[in-house]
Amino acid sequence: MSTKKTEPTAAQRALGDFAPKLVELTDGVLFGDVWERPQLSARDRSLITCAALVAMGKTEQMAFHFPRALENGVTQDELVEMITHLAFYAGWPNAMSAVTKAKELFGKKTG
């Protein structure tokens, strides 16, 4: 039996005491299984996930997934280009909200 302590995940820190089953599924199924499947790289999964968030206007989730995309090898320029491209497929307001969120997350002053 291992006595090694692991750090709580982001989901555990944010929601573990409030929605433990959702956190269990997030950590075990989504990030422990789906994200680890070899058919797509973590970089590709990040770009796809970020594109889906832009298309659905889910700016709150971008705060986690945009920086994670950078960690997985997507460049900031690629994220901005993806958002620009999606403006024509997912709607201008979604793209404007996403690029504003990206600018906020990456430390560039808005306005």
C-alpha atoms as a PDB file:
ATOM      1  CA  MET A   1       0.000   0.000   0.000  1.00  0.00           C
ATOM      2  CA  SER A   2       1.416   3.370  -1.045  1.00  0.00           C
ATOM      3  CA  THR A   3       1.714   6.105   1.553  1.00  0.00           C
ATOM      4  CA  LYS A   4       2.550   8.738  -1.036  1.00  0.00           C
ATOM      5  CA  LYS A   5       0.235  11.736  -0.756  1.00  0.00           C
ATOM      6  CA  THR A   6      -0.930  13.314  -3.964  1.00  0.00           C
ATOM      7  CA  GLU A   7      -1.941  16.916  -4.342  1.00  0.00           C
ATOM      8  CA  PRO A   8      -5.676  17.520  -4.759  1.00  0.00           C
ATOM      9  CA  THR A   9      -6.744  18.109  -8.341  1.00  0.00           C
ATOM     10  CA  ALA A  10      -8.224  21.423  -9.474  1.00  0.00           C
ATOM     11  CA  ALA A  11     -11.669  19.812  -9.435  1.00  0.00           C
ATOM     12  CA  GLN A  12     -11.133  18.451  -5.922  1.00  0.00           C
ATOM     13  CA  ARG A  13     -10.050  21.873  -4.654  1.00  0.00           C
ATOM     14  CA  ALA A  14     -12.934  23.687  -6.345  1.00  0.00           C
ATOM     15  CA  LEU A  15     -15.839  21.272  -5.885  1.00  0.00           C
ATOM     16  CA  GLY A  16     -14.756  18.176  -3.961  1.00  0.00           C
ATOM     17  CA  ASP A  17     -16.704  18.969  -0.823  1.00  0.00           C
ATOM     18  CA  PHE A  18     -19.793  20.107  -2.741  1.00  0.00           C
ATOM     19  CA  ALA A  19     -20.095  17.632  -5.639  1.00  0.00           C
ATOM     20  CA  PRO A  20     -17.809  14.688  -4.881  1.00  0.00           C
ATOM     21  CA  LYS A  21     -19.274  12.336  -7.523  1.00  0.00           C
ATOM     22  CA  LEU A  22     -18.876  14.936 -10.277  1.00  0.00           C
ATOM     23  CA  VAL A  23     -15.261  15.422  -9.181  1.00  0.00           C
ATOM     24  CA  GLU A  24     -14.701  11.650  -9.145  1.00  0.00           C
ATOM     25  CA  LEU A  25     -16.028  11.386 -12.720  1.00  0.00           C
ATOM     26  CA  THR A  26     -14.044  14.427 -13.848  1.00  0.00           C
ATOM     27  CA  ASP A  27     -10.772  13.110 -12.450  1.00  0.00           C
ATOM     28  CA  GLY A  28     -11.259   9.411 -13.164  1.00  0.00           C
ATOM     29  CA  VAL A  29     -13.204   9.250 -16.403  1.00  0.00           C
ATOM     30  CA  LEU A  30     -12.632  12.553 -18.192  1.00  0.00           C
ATOM     31  CA  PHE A  31      -9.003  13.274 -17.293  1.00  0.00           C
ATOM     32  CA  GLY A  32      -7.994   9.757 -16.259  1.00  0.00           C
ATOM     33  CA  ASP A  33      -9.410   7.950 -19.301  1.00  0.00           C
ATOM     34  CA  VAL A  34     -10.734  10.137 -22.127  1.00  0.00           C
ATOM     35  CA  TRP A  35      -7.836  12.613 -22.097  1.00  0.00           C
ATOM     36  CA  GLU A  36      -5.314   9.740 -21.921  1.00  0.00           C
ATOM     37  CA  ARG A  37      -6.522   7.832 -24.979  1.00  0.00           C
ATOM     38  CA  PRO A  38      -3.671   7.534 -27.502  1.00  0.00           C
ATOM     39  CA  GLN A  39      -5.709   8.230 -30.641  1.00  0.00           C
ATOM     40  CA  LEU A  40      -5.311  12.005 -30.189  1.00  0.00           C
ATOM     41  CA  SER A  41      -2.455  13.913 -28.616  1.00  0.00           C
ATOM     42  CA  ALA A  42      -3.044  16.095 -25.563  1.00  0.00           C
ATOM     43  CA  ARG A  43      -2.285  19.074 -27.831  1.00  0.00           C
ATOM     44  CA  ASP A  44      -5.020  18.093 -30.280  1.00  0.00           C
ATOM     45  CA  ARG A  45      -7.483  17.373 -27.474  1.00  0.00           C
ATOM     46  CA  SER A  46      -6.781  20.798 -25.991  1.00  0.00           C
ATOM     47  CA  LEU A  47      -7.323  22.573 -29.302  1.00  0.00           C
ATOM     48  CA  ILE A  48     -10.569  20.655 -29.885  1.00  0.00           C
ATOM     49  CA  THR A  49     -11.784  21.344 -26.344  1.00  0.00           C
ATOM     50  CA  CYS A  50     -10.996  25.048 -26.609  1.00  0.00           C
ATOM     51  CA  ALA A  51     -12.771  25.236 -29.972  1.00  0.00           C
ATOM     52  CA  ALA A  52     -15.852  23.584 -28.469  1.00  0.00           C
ATOM     53  CA  LEU A  53     -15.825  26.041 -25.560  1.00  0.00           C
ATOM     54  CA  VAL A  54     -15.606  28.983 -27.979  1.00  0.00           C
ATOM     55  CA  ALA A  55     -18.402  27.580 -30.145  1.00  0.00           C
ATOM     56  CA  MET A  56     -20.656  27.149 -27.107  1.00  0.00           C
ATOM     57  CA  GLY A  57     -19.713  30.448 -25.484  1.00  0.00           C
ATOM     58  CA  LYS A  58     -18.448  28.751 -22.315  1.00  0.00           C
ATOM     59  CA  THR A  59     -16.032  31.474 -21.183  1.00  0.00           C
ATOM     60  CA  GLU A  60     -15.915  30.331 -17.553  1.00  0.00           C
ATOM     61  CA  GLN A  61     -14.356  27.006 -18.560  1.00  0.00           C
ATOM     62  CA  MET A  62     -11.802  28.788 -20.765  1.00  0.00           C
ATOM     63  CA  ALA A  63      -9.991  29.917 -17.604  1.00  0.00           C
ATOM     64  CA  PHE A  64      -8.912  26.305 -17.067  1.00  0.00           C
ATOM     65  CA  HIS A  65      -8.623  25.040 -20.643  1.00  0.00           C
ATOM     66  CA  PHE A  66      -6.801  27.918 -22.390  1.00  0.00           C
ATOM     67  CA  PRO A  67      -3.769  27.760 -20.047  1.00  0.00           C
ATOM     68  CA  ARG A  68      -3.907  23.953 -20.167  1.00  0.00           C
ATOM     69  CA  ALA A  69      -3.763  24.173 -23.969  1.00  0.00           C
ATOM     70  CA  LEU A  70      -0.533  26.174 -23.688  1.00  0.00           C
ATOM     71  CA  GLU A  71       0.873  23.503 -21.337  1.00  0.00           C
ATOM     72  CA  ASN A  72      -0.080  20.884 -23.951  1.00  0.00           C
ATOM     73  CA  GLY A  73       1.805  22.657 -26.756  1.00  0.00           C
ATOM     74  CA  VAL A  74      -0.819  24.894 -28.375  1.00  0.00           C
ATOM     75  CA  THR A  75       0.605  28.374 -28.863  1.00  0.00           C
ATOM     76  CA  GLN A  76      -1.113  31.587 -27.899  1.00  0.00           C
ATOM     77  CA  ASP A  77      -1.102  32.597 -31.574  1.00  0.00           C
ATOM     78  CA  GLU A  78      -2.826  29.317 -32.487  1.00  0.00           C
ATOM     79  CA  LEU A  79      -5.527  29.904 -29.871  1.00  0.00           C
ATOM     80  CA  VAL A  80      -6.168  33.413 -31.189  1.00  0.00           C
ATOM     81  CA  GLU A  81      -6.266  32.101 -34.760  1.00  0.00           C
ATOM     82  CA  MET A  82      -8.692  29.339 -33.745  1.00  0.00           C
ATOM     83  CA  ILE A  83     -10.969  31.940 -32.154  1.00  0.00           C
ATOM     84  CA  THR A  84     -10.749  34.142 -35.256  1.00  0.00           C
ATOM     85  CA  HIS A  85     -11.572  31.192 -37.500  1.00  0.00           C
ATOM     86  CA  LEU A  86     -14.544  30.227 -35.353  1.00  0.00           C
ATOM     87  CA  ALA A  87     -16.014  33.726 -35.531  1.00  0.00           C
ATOM     88  CA  PHE A  88     -17.382  32.713 -38.932  1.00  0.00           C
ATOM     89  CA  TYR A  89     -18.693  29.321 -37.812  1.00  0.00           C
ATOM     90  CA  ALA A  90     -19.705  29.799 -34.172  1.00  0.00           C
ATOM     91  CA  GLY A  91     -20.734  33.441 -34.159  1.00  0.00           C
ATOM     92  CA  TRP A  92     -19.091  36.782 -33.733  1.00  0.00           C
ATOM     93  CA  PRO A  93     -20.231  37.321 -30.114  1.00  0.00           C
ATOM     94  CA  ASN A  94     -18.761  33.959 -29.050  1.00  0.00           C
ATOM     95  CA  ALA A  95     -15.448  34.834 -30.695  1.00  0.00           C
ATOM     96  CA  MET A  96     -15.351  38.300 -29.167  1.00  0.00           C
ATOM     97  CA  SER A  97     -16.094  36.900 -25.705  1.00  0.00           C
ATOM     98  CA  ALA A  98     -13.444  34.189 -26.142  1.00  0.00           C
ATOM     99  CA  VAL A  99     -10.725  36.538 -27.371  1.00  0.00           C
ATOM    100  CA  THR A 100     -11.484  38.930 -24.523  1.00  0.00           C
ATOM    101  CA  LYS A 101     -11.145  36.030 -22.069  1.00  0.00           C
ATOM    102  CA  ALA A 102      -7.918  34.873 -23.723  1.00  0.00           C
ATOM    103  CA  LYS A 103      -6.463  38.375 -23.518  1.00  0.00           C
ATOM    104  CA  GLU A 104      -7.418  38.528 -19.840  1.00  0.00           C
ATOM    105  CA  LEU A 105      -5.909  35.118 -19.110  1.00  0.00           C
ATOM    106  CA  PHE A 106      -2.646  35.810 -20.901  1.00  0.00           C
ATOM    107  CA  GLY A 107      -2.065  39.098 -19.115  1.00  0.00           C
ATOM    108  CA  LYS A 108      -2.615  41.585 -21.899  1.00  0.00           C
ATOM    109  CA  LYS A 109      -4.418  44.764 -20.979  1.00  0.00           C
ATOM    110  CA  THR A 110      -7.808  45.246 -22.590  1.00  0.00           C
ATOM    111  CA  GLY A 111      -9.295  48.507 -23.744  1.00  0.00           C
END
